[in-house]
Protein backbone atom coordinates (compact mmCIF):
# COMPACT_ATOMS: atom_id res chain seq x y z
CA UNK A 1 -0.07 0.04 -0.02
CA UNK A 2 1.22 3.46 -0.74
CA UNK A 3 1.91 5.82 1.99
CA UNK A 4 -0.85 8.57 2.17
CA UNK A 5 1.81 10.89 3.19
CA UNK A 6 3.94 10.10 0.00
CA UNK A 7 0.98 10.81 -2.17
CA UNK A 8 0.23 14.06 -0.49
CA UNK A 9 3.84 15.19 -0.85
CA UNK A 10 3.85 14.26 -4.68
CA UNK A 11 0.69 16.14 -4.90
CA UNK A 12 2.06 19.18 -3.33
CA UNK A 13 5.14 19.19 -5.52
CA UNK A 14 3.06 19.05 -8.60
CA UNK A 15 0.94 21.89 -7.50
CA UNK A 16 4.10 23.95 -6.79
CA UNK A 17 5.27 23.30 -10.29
CA UNK A 18 1.97 23.85 -12.05
CA UNK A 19 0.69 26.83 -9.98
CA UNK A 20 3.34 29.34 -11.05
CA UNK A 21 3.04 28.40 -14.81
CA UNK A 22 -0.95 28.93 -14.53
CA UNK A 23 -0.85 32.08 -12.50
CA UNK A 24 2.11 33.59 -14.66
CA UNK A 25 0.74 32.66 -18.01
CA UNK A 26 0.60 36.23 -19.03
CA UNK A 27 4.36 36.85 -18.13
CA UNK A 28 5.28 33.58 -19.87
CA UNK A 29 3.28 34.55 -23.12
CA UNK A 30 4.68 38.02 -23.12
CA UNK A 31 8.29 36.68 -22.86
CA UNK A 32 7.53 34.09 -25.68
CA UNK A 33 6.10 36.74 -28.00
CA UNK A 34 8.71 39.28 -27.30
CA UNK A 35 11.53 36.65 -27.97
CA UNK A 36 9.71 35.40 -31.01
CA UNK A 37 9.53 38.92 -32.40
CA UNK A 38 13.20 39.72 -31.65
CA UNK A 39 14.05 36.47 -33.54
CA UNK A 40 12.01 37.49 -36.41
CA UNK A 41 13.69 41.02 -36.37
CA UNK A 42 17.02 39.59 -36.21
CA UNK A 43 16.42 37.33 -39.21
CA UNK A 44 15.47 40.53 -41.20
CA UNK A 45 18.53 42.32 -40.02
CA UNK A 46 21.09 39.64 -40.77
CA UNK A 47 22.57 39.77 -44.34
CA UNK A 48 20.83 37.16 -46.49
CA UNK A 49 22.64 34.30 -48.00
CA UNK A 50 21.65 32.56 -51.12
CA UNK A 51 22.46 29.12 -52.21
CA UNK A 52 22.53 27.70 -55.79
CA UNK A 53 23.42 24.33 -56.86
CA UNK A 54 24.80 22.90 -60.22
CA UNK A 55 24.93 19.24 -60.67
CA UNK A 56 27.40 17.25 -63.01
CA UNK A 57 27.70 13.56 -63.81
CA UNK A 58 31.25 12.08 -64.22
CA UNK A 59 31.59 9.84 -67.29
CA UNK A 60 32.80 6.42 -66.87
CA UNK A 61 36.09 5.67 -68.62
CA UNK A 62 36.30 2.64 -71.06
CA UNK A 63 38.93 1.22 -68.79
CA UNK A 64 36.60 0.74 -65.90
CA UNK A 65 33.89 -0.82 -67.63
CA UNK A 66 34.72 -4.20 -66.33
CA UNK A 67 34.66 -2.74 -62.73
CA UNK A 68 31.26 -1.14 -63.43
CA UNK A 69 29.91 -4.66 -64.59
CA UNK A 70 31.30 -6.20 -61.38
CA UNK A 71 29.90 -3.43 -59.18
CA UNK A 72 26.41 -3.99 -60.67
CA UNK A 73 26.51 -7.64 -59.63
CA UNK A 74 27.51 -6.76 -56.10
CA UNK A 75 24.68 -4.32 -55.23
CA UNK A 76 25.53 -1.59 -52.66
CA UNK A 77 29.08 -3.02 -52.06
CA UNK A 78 29.75 -3.08 -55.82
CA UNK A 79 28.51 0.59 -56.18
CA UNK A 80 31.35 1.56 -53.58
CA UNK A 81 33.89 -0.57 -55.73
CA UNK A 82 32.86 1.20 -58.97
CA UNK A 83 33.01 4.66 -57.16
CA UNK A 84 36.41 4.28 -55.62
CA UNK A 85 38.17 2.08 -58.06
CA UNK A 86 38.32 3.80 -61.37
CA UNK A 87 35.67 6.34 -61.87
CA UNK A 88 36.40 10.03 -62.52
CA UNK A 89 34.36 11.24 -59.63
CA UNK A 90 37.23 11.23 -57.04
CA UNK A 91 39.49 13.22 -59.53
CA UNK A 92 36.67 15.79 -60.31
CA UNK A 93 35.93 16.25 -56.63
CA UNK A 94 39.64 17.00 -55.80
CA UNK A 95 39.87 19.50 -58.63
CA UNK A 96 36.68 21.35 -57.90
CA UNK A 97 37.87 21.63 -54.27
CA UNK A 98 41.30 22.94 -55.20
CA UNK A 99 42.88 26.23 -54.80
CA UNK A 100 43.41 26.48 -58.61
CA UNK A 101 39.78 26.23 -59.30
CA UNK A 102 39.00 29.06 -56.89
CA UNK A 103 41.62 31.15 -58.61
CA UNK A 104 40.09 30.64 -62.05
CA UNK A 105 36.59 31.45 -60.75
CA UNK A 106 37.73 34.67 -59.07
CA UNK A 107 39.33 35.69 -62.27
CA UNK A 108 36.29 34.79 -64.39
CA UNK A 109 33.79 36.65 -62.27
CA UNK A 110 36.11 39.48 -60.90
CA UNK A 111 35.14 38.46 -57.44
CA UNK A 112 37.66 40.95 -56.01
CA UNK A 113 34.97 43.62 -56.42
CA UNK A 114 32.00 41.59 -55.52
CA UNK A 115 32.97 39.98 -52.32
CA UNK A 116 33.87 41.78 -48.98
CA UNK A 117 35.53 40.71 -45.90
CA UNK A 118 39.13 40.08 -47.21
CA UNK A 119 42.41 41.90 -47.14
CA UNK A 120 44.89 39.70 -48.94
CA UNK A 121 44.60 37.54 -51.94
CA UNK A 122 44.86 34.37 -49.93
CA UNK A 123 41.95 35.43 -47.66
CA UNK A 124 39.69 36.00 -50.84
CA UNK A 125 40.73 32.59 -52.14
CA UNK A 126 39.96 30.97 -48.78
CA UNK A 127 36.57 32.83 -48.77
CA UNK A 128 35.68 31.49 -52.15
CA UNK A 129 36.65 27.94 -51.19
CA UNK A 130 34.49 28.26 -48.04
CA UNK A 131 31.47 29.59 -50.07
CA UNK A 132 31.47 26.53 -52.39
CA UNK A 133 30.61 23.06 -51.05
CA UNK A 134 31.21 19.89 -53.33
CA UNK A 135 28.94 17.05 -52.32
CA UNK A 136 30.91 14.02 -53.39
CA UNK A 137 29.40 10.81 -55.02
CA UNK A 138 27.87 8.19 -52.81
CA UNK A 139 26.51 4.72 -52.98
CA UNK A 140 23.16 6.08 -53.96
CA UNK A 141 24.46 8.58 -56.69
CA UNK A 142 27.47 9.21 -58.72
CA UNK A 143 26.54 12.73 -59.46
CA UNK A 144 28.57 15.72 -57.95
CA UNK A 145 26.68 18.77 -56.48
CA UNK A 146 28.37 22.04 -56.48
CA UNK A 147 26.53 24.29 -53.89
CA UNK A 148 27.66 28.06 -54.04
CA UNK A 149 26.60 30.56 -51.49
CA UNK A 150 26.53 34.30 -52.12
CA UNK A 151 25.13 37.54 -50.79
CA UNK A 152 22.84 37.82 -53.84
CA UNK A 153 20.85 35.21 -55.77
CA UNK A 154 22.72 36.28 -58.96
CA UNK A 155 26.14 35.90 -57.53
CA UNK A 156 25.38 32.52 -56.07
CA UNK A 157 24.23 31.05 -59.33
CA UNK A 158 27.13 32.78 -61.27
CA UNK A 159 29.74 31.13 -58.86
CA UNK A 160 28.09 27.63 -59.16
CA UNK A 161 28.00 27.76 -63.05
CA UNK A 162 31.50 29.25 -63.29
CA UNK A 163 32.71 26.34 -61.35
CA UNK A 164 31.21 23.92 -63.98
CA UNK A 165 32.62 26.16 -66.96
CA UNK A 166 36.09 26.46 -65.31
CA UNK A 167 36.22 22.79 -64.48
CA UNK A 168 35.85 21.98 -68.43
CA UNK A 169 38.53 24.56 -69.25
CA UNK A 170 40.82 23.28 -66.63
CA UNK A 171 40.58 19.74 -67.77
CA UNK A 172 40.96 20.75 -71.47
CA UNK A 173 43.94 22.94 -70.57
CA UNK A 174 45.55 20.21 -68.41
CA UNK A 175 45.14 17.52 -70.99
CA UNK A 176 43.00 15.43 -68.76
CA UNK A 177 41.65 13.62 -71.76
CA UNK A 178 44.23 10.88 -72.54
CA UNK A 179 42.88 10.64 -76.10
CA UNK A 180 43.14 14.46 -76.65
CA UNK A 181 46.70 14.52 -75.08
CA UNK A 182 47.90 11.59 -77.20
CA UNK A 183 46.63 13.07 -80.40
CA UNK A 184 48.30 16.41 -79.62
CA UNK A 185 51.72 14.61 -78.81
CA UNK A 186 51.54 12.55 -81.99
CA UNK A 187 50.76 15.49 -84.12
CA UNK A 188 54.21 17.03 -83.22
CA UNK A 189 55.87 13.62 -83.70
CA UNK A 190 54.40 13.07 -87.24
CA UNK A 191 55.44 16.55 -88.25
CA UNK A 192 58.99 15.92 -87.22
CA UNK A 193 59.07 12.37 -88.61
CA UNK A 194 57.85 13.85 -92.00
CA UNK A 195 60.69 16.42 -92.04
CA UNK A 196 63.35 13.68 -91.18
CA UNK A 197 62.02 11.40 -93.91
CA UNK A 198 62.17 14.19 -96.61
CA UNK A 199 65.96 14.93 -95.64
CA UNK A 200 66.73 11.12 -95.65
CA UNK A 201 65.19 10.62 -99.05
CA UNK A 202 67.11 13.53 -100.47
CA UNK A 203 70.43 12.34 -99.08
CA UNK A 204 69.80 8.65 -100.50
CA UNK A 205 68.74 9.89 -103.88
CA UNK A 206 71.87 12.28 -104.18
CA UNK A 207 74.26 9.42 -103.06
CA UNK A 208 72.59 6.88 -105.70
CA UNK A 209 72.93 9.42 -108.49
CA UNK A 210 76.56 10.04 -107.63
CA UNK A 211 77.60 6.35 -107.08
CA UNK A 212 75.14 4.37 -109.16
CA UNK A 213 74.51 1.79 -106.45
CA UNK A 214 71.04 0.20 -106.71
CA UNK A 215 70.95 -3.11 -104.88
CA UNK A 216 72.13 -4.56 -101.54
CA UNK A 217 72.51 -8.22 -100.25
CA UNK A 218 69.33 -9.88 -99.09
CA UNK A 219 70.66 -10.19 -95.55
CA UNK A 220 71.43 -6.54 -95.28
CA UNK A 221 67.93 -5.76 -96.42
CA UNK A 222 66.39 -8.13 -94.02
CA UNK A 223 68.30 -6.62 -91.16
CA UNK A 224 66.99 -3.25 -92.15
CA UNK A 225 63.46 -4.19 -92.17
CA UNK A 226 63.90 -5.82 -88.76
CA UNK A 227 65.30 -2.64 -87.43
CA UNK A 228 62.67 -0.58 -88.75
CA UNK A 229 59.93 -2.55 -87.58
CA UNK A 230 61.34 -2.78 -84.05
CA UNK A 231 62.11 1.06 -83.95
CA UNK A 232 58.35 1.65 -85.09
CA UNK A 233 57.14 -0.41 -82.35
CA UNK A 234 59.47 1.24 -79.76
CA UNK A 235 58.03 4.73 -81.07
CA UNK A 236 54.46 3.71 -80.51
CA UNK A 237 55.19 2.33 -76.92
CA UNK A 238 57.28 5.42 -76.04
CA UNK A 239 54.62 7.81 -77.51
CA UNK A 240 51.93 6.03 -75.46
CA UNK A 241 53.98 6.11 -72.31
CA UNK A 242 55.03 9.76 -72.61
CA UNK A 243 51.40 10.91 -73.28
CA UNK A 244 50.08 8.93 -70.34
CA UNK A 245 52.71 10.36 -68.12
CA UNK A 246 52.09 13.79 -69.41
CA UNK A 247 48.39 13.71 -68.13
CA UNK A 248 49.52 12.96 -64.56
CA UNK A 249 52.34 15.58 -64.57
CA UNK A 250 50.09 18.21 -65.82
CA UNK A 251 47.34 17.55 -63.34
CA UNK A 252 49.72 17.09 -60.42
CA UNK A 253 51.16 20.49 -60.73
CA UNK A 254 47.79 22.01 -60.00
CA UNK A 255 45.96 19.60 -57.83
CA UNK A 256 48.20 18.41 -54.93
CA UNK A 257 45.84 15.87 -53.58
CA UNK A 258 44.63 14.22 -56.88
CA UNK A 259 44.19 10.37 -56.34
CA UNK A 260 46.05 8.28 -58.63
CA UNK A 261 44.32 5.55 -60.46
CA UNK A 262 46.06 2.36 -59.58
CA UNK A 263 44.97 0.78 -62.83
CA UNK A 264 46.63 3.46 -64.76
CA UNK A 265 49.73 3.28 -62.74
CA UNK A 266 50.00 -0.42 -63.45
CA UNK A 267 49.73 0.26 -67.18
CA UNK A 268 52.60 2.82 -66.97
CA UNK A 269 54.68 0.10 -65.30
CA UNK A 270 53.82 -2.40 -67.99
CA UNK A 271 54.59 0.10 -70.74
CA UNK A 272 57.81 1.01 -69.16
CA UNK A 273 58.99 -2.63 -69.10
CA UNK A 274 57.86 -2.97 -72.74
CA UNK A 275 59.85 -0.14 -73.96
CA UNK A 276 62.90 -1.47 -72.13
CA UNK A 277 62.50 -4.80 -73.72
CA UNK A 278 62.03 -3.20 -77.23
CA UNK A 279 65.14 -0.98 -76.94
CA UNK A 280 67.15 -4.17 -76.13
CA UNK A 281 65.81 -5.91 -79.16
CA UNK A 282 66.66 -2.88 -81.31
CA UNK A 283 70.30 -2.93 -79.95
CA UNK A 284 70.64 -6.71 -80.85
CA UNK A 285 69.26 -6.01 -84.40
CA UNK A 286 71.72 -3.12 -84.85
CA UNK A 287 74.42 -5.45 -83.84
CA UNK A 288 73.27 -7.99 -86.54
CA UNK A 289 73.20 -5.25 -89.21
CA UNK A 290 76.77 -4.15 -88.41
CA UNK A 291 77.77 -7.93 -88.83
CA UNK A 292 76.07 -8.09 -92.23
CA UNK A 293 77.91 -5.02 -93.45
CA UNK A 294 81.30 -6.47 -92.56
CA UNK A 295 81.96 -7.80 -96.04
CA UNK A 296 80.65 -4.88 -98.06
CA UNK A 297 82.84 -2.25 -99.91
CA UNK A 298 82.98 1.30 -98.23
CA UNK A 299 80.72 2.76 -100.82
CA UNK A 300 78.06 -0.15 -100.48
CA UNK A 301 78.33 0.18 -96.67
CA UNK A 302 77.59 3.83 -96.74
CA UNK A 303 74.75 3.34 -99.19
CA UNK A 304 73.41 0.67 -96.84
CA UNK A 305 73.41 2.97 -93.90
CA UNK A 306 71.61 5.71 -95.84
CA UNK A 307 69.04 3.28 -97.10
CA UNK A 308 68.56 1.81 -93.53
CA UNK A 309 67.89 5.27 -92.34
CA UNK A 310 65.44 5.98 -95.10
CA UNK A 311 63.60 2.81 -94.63
CA UNK A 312 63.44 3.40 -90.80
CA UNK A 313 62.32 6.95 -91.07
CA UNK A 314 59.58 5.90 -93.72
CA UNK A 315 58.36 3.08 -91.36
CA UNK A 316 58.32 5.42 -88.31
CA UNK A 317 56.45 8.19 -90.38
CA UNK A 318 53.88 5.73 -91.64
CA UNK A 319 53.49 4.13 -88.00
CA UNK A 320 53.06 7.60 -86.43
CA UNK A 321 50.60 8.71 -89.22
CA UNK A 322 48.56 5.52 -88.54
CA UNK A 323 48.64 6.22 -84.64
CA UNK A 324 47.66 9.93 -85.29
CA UNK A 325 44.61 8.93 -87.33
CA UNK A 326 43.53 6.46 -84.67
CA UNK A 327 44.17 8.84 -81.88
CA UNK A 328 41.83 11.50 -83.63
CA UNK A 329 39.03 8.74 -83.90
CA UNK A 330 39.60 8.02 -80.27
CA UNK A 331 39.40 11.64 -79.23
CA UNK A 332 36.07 12.02 -81.16
CA UNK A 333 34.66 8.98 -79.39
CA UNK A 334 35.86 9.89 -76.06
CA UNK A 335 33.37 12.26 -74.36
CA UNK A 336 34.20 15.04 -71.77
CA UNK A 337 34.96 13.89 -68.27
CA UNK A 338 31.53 14.90 -67.19
CA UNK A 339 28.11 15.93 -68.30
CA UNK A 340 26.10 18.99 -66.79
CA UNK A 341 22.89 17.52 -65.37
CA UNK A 342 21.61 20.73 -63.78
CA UNK A 343 22.71 24.37 -64.31
CA UNK A 344 22.45 26.54 -61.31
CA UNK A 345 19.39 28.82 -61.30
CA UNK A 346 18.79 31.92 -59.53
CA UNK A 347 17.29 30.98 -56.06
CA UNK A 348 13.99 32.67 -55.26
CA UNK A 349 14.52 33.04 -51.57
CA UNK A 350 17.61 33.19 -49.31
CA UNK A 351 18.87 29.97 -47.70
CA UNK A 352 19.83 31.77 -44.54
CA UNK A 353 18.95 33.26 -42.11
CA UNK A 354 15.55 31.28 -42.06
CA UNK A 355 12.84 33.50 -40.47
CA UNK A 356 10.84 30.42 -39.38
CA UNK A 357 13.84 28.91 -37.60
CA UNK A 358 14.82 32.38 -35.90
CA UNK A 359 11.17 32.88 -34.85
CA UNK A 360 10.82 29.41 -33.45
CA UNK A 361 14.13 29.53 -31.72
CA UNK A 362 13.05 32.92 -30.22
CA UNK A 363 9.69 31.45 -29.29
CA UNK A 364 11.19 28.52 -27.45
CA UNK A 365 13.78 30.72 -25.54
CA UNK A 366 10.87 33.15 -24.65
CA UNK A 367 9.01 30.26 -23.02
CA UNK A 368 12.10 28.98 -21.10
CA UNK A 369 12.89 32.55 -19.94
CA UNK A 370 9.10 33.35 -18.97
CA UNK A 371 8.96 29.84 -17.15
CA UNK A 372 12.11 30.49 -15.31
CA UNK A 373 10.89 33.85 -14.28
CA UNK A 374 7.69 32.50 -13.02
CA UNK A 375 9.38 29.87 -10.95
CA UNK A 376 11.77 32.41 -9.46
CA UNK A 377 9.01 34.76 -8.59
CA UNK A 378 7.07 31.86 -6.91
CA UNK A 379 10.01 30.77 -4.90
CA UNK A 380 10.50 34.28 -3.52
CA UNK A 381 6.72 34.55 -2.63
CA UNK A 382 6.98 31.07 -1.09
CA UNK A 383 10.02 32.14 0.87
CA UNK A 384 8.22 35.33 2.16
CA UNK A 385 5.37 33.27 3.28
């Protein structure tokens, strides 16, 4: 059985808590209304902040298609595998968050005149980087959101869209596309090989007209063709290796924390090993060529060397020209690193400060203050009594 004195004590306690709230309801209501009003006034006085969002979708590279198929078969875990083991999302996120991108956007929009609260260039760059939030890909989506804040709706949307525009320009300038980088490199190599081939043919024609030598032993011609074939293969491997290395070097100079693709790094190692093997084969073929020239007269030896150079340069030129044509086709097929899903539009209302939140916080604070005042007054009256 419950002690009647205990029940009576609980009733008195509840009464002591309830009576002040009932008797001082006017005080509590006044505090709540005043605080809510103050919160609303503060929300009007604080400078508005607008948010604008642009969304891009990283394209999957062809080299990661097998990982994408594996990811599809593994569900959520596969999505994480596809996200972190080969997609371009991680690279694009790092680039968007970099200082280099902030510098480009500042220059594009002349933010020196449009943003306040900075004294040095470093402070301005840091301010812009804080105004932009990059929402990275996740298990649910591979899209990247660029959320830009600004003192005006127009500036917020302009910053978000400038980040998208400058991202494309940054990637084009740095040669992020392997196909474009490879094609540009081969264009220079083809032009150089064409000039060398013309010089070699001119020297050979002049020597033939002066010395009337028209043929060489079959063993010498076979050695020349072997050397030319091996040298053309070495040129192709070296061009691919150098173009791929150039992509990483260009990007690493501007984005310090860019994540390296382990698959691409493995390809670089394979290409480097293949290049060393091909150079060794060329040295062996050159040695066999020198042995084949051992029994020839001096004029025939000189003619053989000139013809070897002409065959070699012709083979290299043809090989580079074929690679250049293939690189042009690959560049046309390879799309941009990302596509724009949603362009940032001008927001209709500021994201901060929220009038509803400030009013609600003020109302809650007023209720707490009013209740505290009511209890304090009640304690004093009880003590006097």
